N, C-alpha and C. Protein backbone atom coordinates (compact mmCIF):
# COMPACT_ATOMS: atom_id res chain seq x y z
N MET A 1 10.71 51.11 -41.64
CA MET A 1 9.59 50.37 -41.90
C MET A 1 10.17 49.06 -43.18
N ASN A 2 9.62 48.30 -42.95
CA ASN A 2 9.87 47.24 -44.31
C ASN A 2 8.72 47.54 -44.93
N THR A 3 9.55 47.44 -46.30
CA THR A 3 8.44 47.13 -47.21
C THR A 3 7.90 45.96 -48.01
N PRO A 4 6.57 45.67 -48.11
CA PRO A 4 5.80 44.17 -48.01
C PRO A 4 6.23 43.24 -49.17
N LYS A 5 6.67 41.72 -48.93
CA LYS A 5 7.10 41.45 -50.27
C LYS A 5 5.80 41.55 -51.00
N LYS A 6 6.15 41.48 -52.35
CA LYS A 6 4.75 40.70 -53.53
C LYS A 6 4.74 39.36 -53.30
N PRO A 7 3.58 39.15 -53.04
CA PRO A 7 3.41 37.61 -52.97
C PRO A 7 3.96 37.10 -54.46
N GLU A 8 4.50 35.76 -54.46
CA GLU A 8 4.97 35.27 -55.59
C GLU A 8 4.36 33.87 -55.55
N PHE A 9 3.96 32.99 -56.80
CA PHE A 9 3.79 31.40 -56.59
C PHE A 9 4.31 31.02 -58.38
N ILE A 10 4.01 29.88 -58.32
CA ILE A 10 4.21 28.75 -58.94
C ILE A 10 3.54 28.32 -59.82
N TYR A 11 3.20 28.50 -61.17
CA TYR A 11 2.21 27.49 -61.87
C TYR A 11 3.03 26.00 -62.60
N LEU A 12 2.89 24.92 -62.05
CA LEU A 12 3.17 23.98 -63.31
C LEU A 12 2.22 23.22 -63.97
N LYS A 13 1.68 23.53 -65.20
CA LYS A 13 1.17 22.50 -65.40
C LYS A 13 1.59 21.05 -66.10
N GLN A 14 1.20 20.28 -66.81
CA GLN A 14 1.38 18.38 -66.62
C GLN A 14 3.15 18.46 -67.12
N GLU A 15 3.09 19.03 -67.89
CA GLU A 15 4.85 18.75 -68.00
C GLU A 15 5.45 19.52 -67.59
N ASP A 16 5.67 20.52 -66.60
CA ASP A 16 6.08 20.87 -65.26
C ASP A 16 6.14 19.92 -64.37
N VAL A 17 5.00 19.20 -63.65
CA VAL A 17 5.29 18.48 -63.12
C VAL A 17 5.88 17.10 -63.40
N ILE A 18 6.07 16.66 -64.66
CA ILE A 18 6.46 15.73 -65.18
C ILE A 18 8.22 16.00 -64.40
N ALA A 19 8.34 17.08 -65.66
CA ALA A 19 10.27 17.51 -65.71
C ALA A 19 10.57 17.73 -63.98
N ALA A 20 9.58 17.69 -62.94
CA ALA A 20 10.12 17.77 -61.40
C ALA A 20 9.77 16.68 -60.22
N GLY A 21 9.69 15.44 -61.62
CA GLY A 21 9.51 14.04 -60.87
C GLY A 21 8.56 13.75 -60.46
N GLY A 22 7.24 14.12 -60.81
CA GLY A 22 6.00 13.58 -60.74
C GLY A 22 5.86 12.32 -61.28
N LEU A 23 6.66 11.83 -62.11
CA LEU A 23 6.12 10.21 -62.34
C LEU A 23 7.35 9.32 -61.84
N ASP A 24 7.86 9.70 -60.62
CA ASP A 24 8.75 9.08 -60.22
C ASP A 24 8.30 8.38 -58.82
N MET A 25 8.49 7.06 -58.99
CA MET A 25 7.39 5.79 -58.39
C MET A 25 7.74 5.76 -56.98
N LYS A 26 9.23 5.61 -56.92
CA LYS A 26 10.07 5.64 -56.14
C LYS A 26 10.09 6.99 -55.12
N LEU A 27 10.20 7.96 -55.68
CA LEU A 27 10.05 9.02 -55.07
C LEU A 27 8.60 8.90 -54.23
N ALA A 28 7.61 8.92 -55.04
CA ALA A 28 6.27 8.92 -54.51
C ALA A 28 5.49 8.04 -53.52
N LEU A 29 6.42 6.71 -53.56
CA LEU A 29 5.85 5.73 -52.57
C LEU A 29 6.98 6.02 -50.97
N ALA A 30 8.07 6.91 -51.07
CA ALA A 30 8.52 7.38 -49.82
C ALA A 30 7.56 8.95 -49.36
N ASP A 31 7.66 9.78 -50.49
CA ASP A 31 6.16 10.62 -49.41
C ASP A 31 5.26 10.19 -49.19
N VAL A 32 4.47 8.84 -50.03
CA VAL A 32 3.41 8.74 -49.22
C VAL A 32 3.38 7.76 -48.22
N GLU A 33 4.42 7.64 -48.01
CA GLU A 33 4.72 6.52 -46.67
C GLU A 33 4.57 7.33 -45.58
N LEU A 34 5.64 8.98 -46.07
CA LEU A 34 6.10 9.46 -44.80
C LEU A 34 4.65 10.43 -44.32
N ALA A 35 3.52 10.27 -45.37
CA ALA A 35 1.96 10.86 -44.89
C ALA A 35 1.62 10.01 -44.32
N PHE A 36 1.52 8.80 -44.25
CA PHE A 36 0.98 8.09 -43.24
C PHE A 36 1.63 8.26 -42.04
N LYS A 37 2.72 8.18 -42.11
CA LYS A 37 3.23 7.99 -40.53
C LYS A 37 2.57 9.25 -40.25
N MET A 38 3.21 10.15 -40.75
CA MET A 38 2.40 11.47 -40.11
C MET A 38 1.23 11.54 -39.67
N HIS A 39 0.21 10.76 -40.61
CA HIS A 39 -1.13 10.81 -40.30
C HIS A 39 -0.94 10.18 -38.77
N GLY A 40 -0.40 9.16 -38.53
CA GLY A 40 0.12 8.29 -37.42
C GLY A 40 0.05 9.08 -36.39
N GLN A 41 0.97 9.77 -36.44
CA GLN A 41 1.35 11.00 -35.44
C GLN A 41 0.71 11.80 -35.28
N ASP A 42 -0.29 12.34 -35.70
CA ASP A 42 -1.47 13.56 -36.45
C ASP A 42 -1.05 14.96 -36.39
N GLU A 43 -0.07 14.77 -37.16
CA GLU A 43 0.64 15.72 -37.77
C GLU A 43 -0.06 16.39 -39.03
N ILE A 44 -1.08 15.35 -39.46
CA ILE A 44 -2.14 15.72 -40.55
C ILE A 44 -3.47 16.05 -40.09
N ILE A 45 -4.05 17.67 -40.48
CA ILE A 45 -5.02 17.61 -40.78
C ILE A 45 -6.00 17.39 -41.92
N GLN A 46 -6.89 16.75 -41.69
CA GLN A 46 -7.61 16.52 -43.07
C GLN A 46 -9.28 16.25 -43.00
N PRO A 47 -9.52 17.43 -43.42
CA PRO A 47 -10.87 17.31 -43.12
C PRO A 47 -11.66 16.39 -44.36
N ASN A 48 -13.44 16.50 -44.07
CA ASN A 48 -14.10 15.69 -44.94
C ASN A 48 -14.04 16.14 -46.58
N LYS A 49 -14.21 15.44 -47.16
CA LYS A 49 -14.23 15.97 -48.54
C LYS A 49 -15.43 16.82 -49.03
N THR A 50 -15.74 18.02 -49.83
CA THR A 50 -16.94 18.40 -50.34
C THR A 50 -16.92 18.03 -51.54
N VAL A 51 -18.29 17.29 -51.63
CA VAL A 51 -18.51 16.80 -52.53
C VAL A 51 -20.08 17.03 -53.47
N ILE A 52 -19.86 17.73 -55.28
CA ILE A 52 -21.08 18.13 -55.48
C ILE A 52 -21.47 17.52 -56.90
N GLU A 53 -22.64 16.52 -56.92
CA GLU A 53 -22.54 15.20 -57.89
C GLU A 53 -23.57 16.29 -58.71
N PHE A 54 -23.35 15.82 -59.90
CA PHE A 54 -24.30 17.25 -60.84
C PHE A 54 -24.54 15.86 -61.76
N PRO A 55 -25.95 15.30 -61.63
CA PRO A 55 -26.65 14.41 -62.19
C PRO A 55 -27.09 14.40 -63.90
N ASP A 56 -27.31 13.41 -65.02
CA ASP A 56 -27.49 13.62 -66.32
C ASP A 56 -29.40 14.07 -65.94
N GLN A 57 -29.78 14.84 -66.85
CA GLN A 57 -31.16 15.02 -66.75
C GLN A 57 -31.92 14.05 -67.09
N GLU A 58 -31.77 13.40 -68.11
CA GLU A 58 -32.77 11.79 -69.08
C GLU A 58 -32.32 10.95 -67.84
N SER A 59 -31.16 10.34 -67.63
CA SER A 59 -30.48 9.14 -66.74
C SER A 59 -31.05 9.33 -65.15
N GLY A 60 -30.91 10.14 -64.22
CA GLY A 60 -30.30 10.58 -63.21
C GLY A 60 -29.30 10.13 -62.58
N GLN A 61 -28.22 9.37 -63.47
CA GLN A 61 -27.12 8.83 -62.88
C GLN A 61 -26.20 10.60 -62.80
N ARG A 62 -25.20 10.33 -62.45
CA ARG A 62 -24.11 11.13 -62.04
C ARG A 62 -23.49 11.32 -62.99
N ARG A 63 -23.47 12.55 -63.58
CA ARG A 63 -22.67 12.84 -64.85
C ARG A 63 -21.43 14.09 -64.65
N TYR A 64 -21.64 14.73 -64.04
CA TYR A 64 -20.26 15.69 -63.32
C TYR A 64 -20.33 15.55 -61.84
N LEU A 65 -19.00 15.93 -61.39
CA LEU A 65 -18.70 15.65 -60.04
C LEU A 65 -17.48 16.86 -59.91
N THR A 66 -17.48 16.92 -58.65
CA THR A 66 -16.67 18.58 -57.99
C THR A 66 -16.47 17.70 -56.45
N VAL A 67 -14.91 17.67 -56.37
CA VAL A 67 -14.87 17.43 -54.86
C VAL A 67 -13.81 18.49 -54.69
N SER A 68 -13.62 19.00 -52.93
CA SER A 68 -12.39 19.63 -52.38
C SER A 68 -11.77 19.09 -51.62
N MET A 69 -10.62 18.39 -51.21
CA MET A 69 -10.47 17.92 -50.40
C MET A 69 -9.21 18.29 -49.59
N PRO A 70 -9.40 19.77 -48.82
CA PRO A 70 -7.93 20.02 -48.11
C PRO A 70 -7.37 19.54 -47.26
N ALA A 71 -6.14 19.96 -46.85
CA ALA A 71 -5.55 18.93 -45.93
C ALA A 71 -4.23 20.01 -45.83
N TYR A 72 -3.52 19.91 -44.20
CA TYR A 72 -2.57 20.64 -43.69
C TYR A 72 -1.75 19.44 -42.95
N LEU A 73 -0.44 19.32 -43.72
CA LEU A 73 0.24 18.27 -43.44
C LEU A 73 1.63 19.28 -42.49
N GLY A 74 1.63 19.20 -41.02
CA GLY A 74 2.41 19.37 -40.48
C GLY A 74 3.90 19.29 -40.05
N GLY A 75 5.01 18.83 -39.33
CA GLY A 75 5.94 17.95 -38.99
C GLY A 75 7.13 19.16 -39.91
N GLN A 76 7.63 18.60 -40.78
CA GLN A 76 8.89 19.06 -41.61
C GLN A 76 8.15 19.77 -42.81
N ILE A 77 7.19 19.40 -42.62
CA ILE A 77 6.61 19.74 -43.62
C ILE A 77 5.58 21.32 -43.96
N ASN A 78 5.25 21.14 -43.53
CA ASN A 78 4.36 22.43 -42.57
C ASN A 78 3.36 22.97 -43.72
N ARG A 79 2.90 22.70 -44.68
CA ARG A 79 2.11 23.27 -45.60
C ARG A 79 0.73 23.04 -45.69
N ALA A 80 -0.22 23.87 -45.76
CA ALA A 80 -1.67 23.90 -46.31
C ALA A 80 -2.01 23.71 -47.59
N GLY A 81 -2.74 22.97 -48.14
CA GLY A 81 -2.99 22.61 -49.17
C GLY A 81 -4.57 22.44 -49.84
N ILE A 82 -5.14 22.77 -50.79
CA ILE A 82 -6.36 21.74 -51.43
C ILE A 82 -6.01 21.03 -52.96
N LYS A 83 -7.12 19.72 -53.12
CA LYS A 83 -6.90 19.81 -54.12
C LYS A 83 -8.42 19.67 -54.65
N TRP A 84 -8.33 20.19 -56.33
CA TRP A 84 -9.97 20.56 -56.30
C TRP A 84 -9.72 19.70 -57.72
N ALA A 85 -10.81 18.38 -57.90
CA ALA A 85 -11.22 17.33 -58.67
C ALA A 85 -12.50 17.63 -59.07
N ALA A 86 -12.52 17.44 -60.78
CA ALA A 86 -13.18 17.04 -61.44
C ALA A 86 -13.36 15.36 -62.14
N GLU A 87 -14.64 15.14 -62.44
CA GLU A 87 -15.02 14.74 -63.07
C GLU A 87 -16.18 14.70 -64.75
N SER A 88 -15.67 13.71 -65.84
CA SER A 88 -16.99 13.90 -66.49
C SER A 88 -17.32 12.72 -66.70
N VAL A 89 -18.23 12.34 -67.31
CA VAL A 89 -18.64 11.02 -67.67
C VAL A 89 -18.76 11.53 -69.32
N ASP A 90 -18.83 13.22 -69.76
CA ASP A 90 -18.57 13.20 -71.52
C ASP A 90 -17.67 13.17 -71.50
N ASN A 91 -16.43 13.72 -71.08
CA ASN A 91 -14.69 13.36 -71.44
C ASN A 91 -14.64 11.81 -71.44
N ALA A 92 -15.18 11.14 -70.27
CA ALA A 92 -15.07 9.54 -71.13
C ALA A 92 -15.42 9.02 -72.20
N ARG A 93 -16.70 9.20 -72.74
CA ARG A 93 -17.09 8.83 -73.96
C ARG A 93 -16.74 9.52 -74.76
N ARG A 94 -16.47 10.62 -74.85
CA ARG A 94 -15.74 11.22 -76.07
C ARG A 94 -14.01 10.78 -76.01
N GLY A 95 -13.53 10.47 -75.02
CA GLY A 95 -11.95 10.31 -75.33
C GLY A 95 -11.09 11.21 -75.16
N ASP A 96 -11.75 12.02 -75.68
CA ASP A 96 -10.47 13.49 -76.37
C ASP A 96 -10.34 14.50 -74.82
N LEU A 97 -10.42 13.89 -73.54
CA LEU A 97 -9.68 14.47 -72.16
C LEU A 97 -10.00 13.23 -71.35
N PRO A 98 -9.44 13.76 -70.24
CA PRO A 98 -9.51 12.44 -69.23
C PRO A 98 -10.65 12.61 -68.60
N TYR A 99 -11.06 11.48 -68.14
CA TYR A 99 -12.17 11.35 -67.17
C TYR A 99 -12.48 12.13 -65.66
N GLY A 100 -11.07 12.46 -65.23
CA GLY A 100 -11.13 13.23 -63.75
C GLY A 100 -9.68 14.07 -64.05
N MET A 101 -9.73 15.70 -63.90
CA MET A 101 -8.88 16.69 -63.79
C MET A 101 -8.66 17.43 -62.80
N ASP A 102 -7.15 17.14 -62.23
CA ASP A 102 -7.11 17.99 -60.63
C ASP A 102 -6.18 19.18 -60.69
N LEU A 103 -6.83 19.93 -59.71
CA LEU A 103 -5.73 21.03 -59.72
C LEU A 103 -5.39 20.98 -58.28
N ILE A 104 -4.36 21.62 -57.86
CA ILE A 104 -3.33 21.19 -55.99
C ILE A 104 -3.01 22.96 -56.29
N ILE A 105 -3.16 23.55 -55.33
CA ILE A 105 -2.87 24.46 -54.60
C ILE A 105 -2.04 24.63 -53.35
N LEU A 106 -0.86 24.74 -53.01
CA LEU A 106 -0.29 24.76 -52.24
C LEU A 106 -0.37 26.13 -51.18
N HIS A 107 -0.15 26.19 -49.71
CA HIS A 107 -0.44 27.37 -49.13
C HIS A 107 0.76 28.10 -48.11
N ASP A 108 1.13 29.05 -48.19
CA ASP A 108 2.49 29.44 -47.36
C ASP A 108 1.28 30.08 -45.64
N LEU A 109 1.22 29.03 -44.94
CA LEU A 109 0.27 29.41 -43.89
C LEU A 109 0.58 31.16 -43.19
N GLU A 110 2.19 31.21 -43.21
CA GLU A 110 3.07 32.51 -42.59
C GLU A 110 2.73 33.58 -43.32
N ARG A 111 2.77 33.45 -44.33
CA ARG A 111 2.72 34.66 -45.07
C ARG A 111 1.11 34.59 -45.77
N ALA A 112 0.66 33.48 -45.74
CA ALA A 112 -1.30 33.51 -46.09
C ALA A 112 -1.25 34.17 -47.65
N HIS A 113 -0.16 33.15 -48.21
CA HIS A 113 -0.42 32.96 -50.13
C HIS A 113 0.15 31.99 -50.36
N PRO A 114 -0.86 31.61 -51.62
CA PRO A 114 -0.64 30.25 -52.33
C PRO A 114 0.86 30.49 -52.74
N LEU A 115 1.76 29.44 -52.67
CA LEU A 115 2.31 29.25 -53.20
C LEU A 115 3.15 28.46 -54.75
N ALA A 116 2.08 27.80 -54.23
CA ALA A 116 1.83 26.97 -55.87
C ALA A 116 0.78 26.47 -56.14
N MET A 117 0.38 26.33 -57.82
CA MET A 117 -0.39 25.77 -58.31
C MET A 117 0.07 25.06 -59.39
N MET A 118 -0.85 23.99 -59.35
CA MET A 118 -0.13 22.38 -60.26
C MET A 118 -1.16 21.76 -60.75
N ASP A 119 -1.15 21.34 -62.04
CA ASP A 119 -1.93 20.52 -62.47
C ASP A 119 -1.69 19.51 -61.71
N GLY A 120 -2.66 18.63 -61.13
CA GLY A 120 -2.88 17.47 -60.30
C GLY A 120 -3.08 15.75 -60.65
N THR A 121 -3.16 16.00 -61.78
CA THR A 121 -4.03 14.79 -62.27
C THR A 121 -3.50 13.70 -62.46
N LEU A 122 -1.88 14.09 -62.56
CA LEU A 122 -0.64 12.34 -62.85
C LEU A 122 -0.10 12.31 -61.18
N ILE A 123 -0.44 13.52 -60.81
CA ILE A 123 0.14 13.37 -59.41
C ILE A 123 -1.12 12.66 -58.49
N THR A 124 -2.42 12.53 -59.00
CA THR A 124 -3.88 11.78 -57.96
C THR A 124 -3.16 10.17 -58.78
N ALA A 125 -2.59 10.09 -60.06
CA ALA A 125 -2.41 8.79 -60.34
C ALA A 125 -1.44 7.88 -59.31
N ILE A 126 -0.64 8.70 -60.00
CA ILE A 126 0.98 8.32 -59.03
C ILE A 126 0.36 7.89 -57.61
N ARG A 127 0.38 9.67 -56.89
CA ARG A 127 -0.10 9.08 -55.20
C ARG A 127 -1.07 8.17 -54.89
N THR A 128 -1.88 7.66 -55.79
CA THR A 128 -3.16 6.64 -55.53
C THR A 128 -2.43 5.44 -55.19
N GLY A 129 -2.04 5.08 -56.85
CA GLY A 129 -0.99 3.83 -56.66
C GLY A 129 0.22 3.70 -55.70
N ALA A 130 0.69 4.58 -55.35
CA ALA A 130 1.89 4.65 -54.39
C ALA A 130 1.06 4.19 -52.85
N ALA A 131 0.03 4.93 -52.84
CA ALA A 131 -0.77 4.24 -51.48
C ALA A 131 -0.71 3.13 -51.33
N ALA A 132 -1.60 2.48 -52.55
CA ALA A 132 -1.52 0.85 -52.81
C ALA A 132 -0.28 0.05 -52.48
N GLY A 133 0.87 0.65 -52.83
CA GLY A 133 1.77 -0.15 -52.80
C GLY A 133 2.81 0.04 -51.50
N VAL A 134 2.28 1.07 -50.41
CA VAL A 134 2.65 0.69 -49.12
C VAL A 134 2.04 0.13 -48.14
N ALA A 135 0.43 0.42 -48.47
CA ALA A 135 -0.29 -0.52 -47.94
C ALA A 135 0.15 -2.35 -48.35
N ALA A 136 0.50 -2.35 -49.39
CA ALA A 136 0.85 -3.70 -49.73
C ALA A 136 2.73 -3.87 -48.77
N LYS A 137 3.35 -3.59 -48.56
CA LYS A 137 4.17 -3.21 -47.66
C LYS A 137 4.09 -3.65 -46.29
N TYR A 138 3.35 -3.07 -46.17
CA TYR A 138 2.62 -3.65 -44.24
C TYR A 138 1.26 -4.88 -44.15
N LEU A 139 0.98 -4.65 -45.20
CA LEU A 139 -0.38 -5.13 -44.82
C LEU A 139 -0.15 -6.67 -45.69
N ALA A 140 0.55 -7.31 -46.35
CA ALA A 140 0.56 -8.12 -47.46
C ALA A 140 1.46 -9.12 -46.72
N ARG A 141 0.97 -10.35 -46.59
CA ARG A 141 1.88 -11.52 -45.99
C ARG A 141 3.28 -11.69 -45.80
N PRO A 142 3.93 -11.47 -45.30
CA PRO A 142 5.37 -11.82 -45.47
C PRO A 142 5.84 -12.70 -46.53
N ASP A 143 5.31 -13.87 -46.60
CA ASP A 143 5.88 -14.93 -48.10
C ASP A 143 5.23 -14.57 -48.84
N SER A 144 4.18 -13.58 -49.22
CA SER A 144 3.53 -13.78 -50.24
C SER A 144 4.45 -13.33 -51.67
N LYS A 145 4.18 -14.27 -52.93
CA LYS A 145 5.05 -13.97 -53.92
C LYS A 145 4.28 -13.38 -55.40
N THR A 146 2.48 -13.67 -54.78
CA THR A 146 1.65 -13.03 -56.15
C THR A 146 0.60 -12.33 -56.07
N ALA A 147 0.64 -11.49 -56.64
CA ALA A 147 -1.11 -10.18 -57.06
C ALA A 147 -1.53 -10.48 -57.96
N ALA A 148 -2.33 -9.96 -57.35
CA ALA A 148 -3.60 -9.65 -58.47
C ALA A 148 -3.95 -8.24 -58.73
N PHE A 149 -4.42 -8.01 -59.84
CA PHE A 149 -5.20 -6.30 -60.03
C PHE A 149 -5.66 -6.25 -60.99
N ILE A 150 -7.43 -6.44 -60.35
CA ILE A 150 -8.51 -6.31 -61.10
C ILE A 150 -8.46 -4.80 -61.55
N GLY A 151 -8.79 -4.65 -62.91
CA GLY A 151 -9.15 -3.30 -62.87
C GLY A 151 -8.40 -2.68 -64.19
N ALA A 152 -8.71 -1.73 -64.87
CA ALA A 152 -7.25 -0.99 -66.03
C ALA A 152 -7.52 0.33 -65.64
N GLY A 153 -6.84 0.75 -67.03
CA GLY A 153 -6.57 2.21 -66.79
C GLY A 153 -5.61 2.71 -65.77
N VAL A 154 -5.37 4.00 -66.22
CA VAL A 154 -4.28 5.06 -65.39
C VAL A 154 -4.09 4.36 -63.79
N ILE A 155 -5.27 4.33 -62.70
CA ILE A 155 -4.72 3.97 -61.78
C ILE A 155 -4.78 2.56 -61.32
N GLY A 156 -4.73 1.54 -62.26
CA GLY A 156 -4.05 0.32 -62.22
C GLY A 156 -2.79 0.10 -62.83
N ARG A 157 -2.25 0.40 -63.52
CA ARG A 157 -1.06 0.95 -64.31
C ARG A 157 0.36 1.70 -62.82
N THR A 158 -0.98 2.39 -62.65
CA THR A 158 0.12 2.79 -61.26
C THR A 158 0.50 2.13 -59.86
N THR A 159 -0.81 1.40 -59.64
CA THR A 159 -0.75 0.97 -58.92
C THR A 159 0.06 -0.12 -59.07
N LEU A 160 0.27 -0.97 -60.13
CA LEU A 160 1.32 -2.13 -60.66
C LEU A 160 2.41 -1.55 -60.69
N ASP A 161 2.76 -0.24 -60.92
CA ASP A 161 4.21 0.39 -60.93
C ASP A 161 4.68 0.27 -59.14
N SER A 162 3.64 0.69 -58.46
CA SER A 162 4.21 1.31 -56.99
C SER A 162 4.64 -0.93 -56.13
N HIS A 163 3.80 -1.32 -56.85
CA HIS A 163 4.00 -3.38 -56.38
C HIS A 163 5.26 -3.29 -57.12
N LEU A 164 6.10 -2.87 -58.19
CA LEU A 164 7.14 -3.02 -58.48
C LEU A 164 8.19 -2.45 -57.99
N ASP A 165 8.05 -1.54 -57.62
CA ASP A 165 8.82 -0.55 -57.01
C ASP A 165 8.82 -0.49 -55.39
N MET A 166 8.47 -1.02 -55.11
CA MET A 166 8.10 -0.88 -53.74
C MET A 166 9.08 -2.24 -52.91
N PRO A 167 10.07 -1.32 -52.31
CA PRO A 167 11.32 -2.78 -51.43
C PRO A 167 10.75 -3.21 -50.50
N VAL A 168 11.02 -4.86 -50.20
CA VAL A 168 10.15 -5.60 -49.42
C VAL A 168 10.81 -5.51 -48.23
N LEU A 169 9.78 -5.54 -46.93
CA LEU A 169 10.28 -5.50 -45.93
C LEU A 169 11.17 -6.40 -45.40
N GLU A 170 12.32 -5.95 -45.00
CA GLU A 170 13.57 -6.85 -43.70
C GLU A 170 12.31 -7.62 -43.01
N THR A 171 12.53 -8.98 -42.91
CA THR A 171 12.41 -10.03 -41.67
C THR A 171 13.26 -10.18 -40.61
N GLY A 172 12.93 -10.68 -40.14
CA GLY A 172 13.85 -11.30 -38.78
C GLY A 172 14.68 -10.12 -38.27
């Protein structure tokens, strides 16, 4: 009889994500482009997000938000995962913490346990910027020489970075 292995997983805090290449825009662009191709080949299962909004008692406007985003990437990746995102208007007002903070869990389907849990805040920012860069690669007119960026903040910066790092499509 085989002795069962004790499930183990790693936890990557934000510094670990950075050390593992989490700020590498060229790598993110390649990964996002692969994910888009996989999606086009029906190798991704991505159900709708589950969103819970918590309004401010006085204004009725959203004060807090939580979002769960499960997905499965098949093919060569063959991993399921979920991103849990939380946002707080209070953080933005105080300025002591990011407006939104995310956590990602990657799951081993065959062994039915998590492989990794990691801070997803920077991953989200880099991935969002990279998605815009990949979109520009395929959707911009071939003769485009100018881009406009409206907005500020982390996502604006990562979007600019993605456009600076995205190789131009070969023509002809």
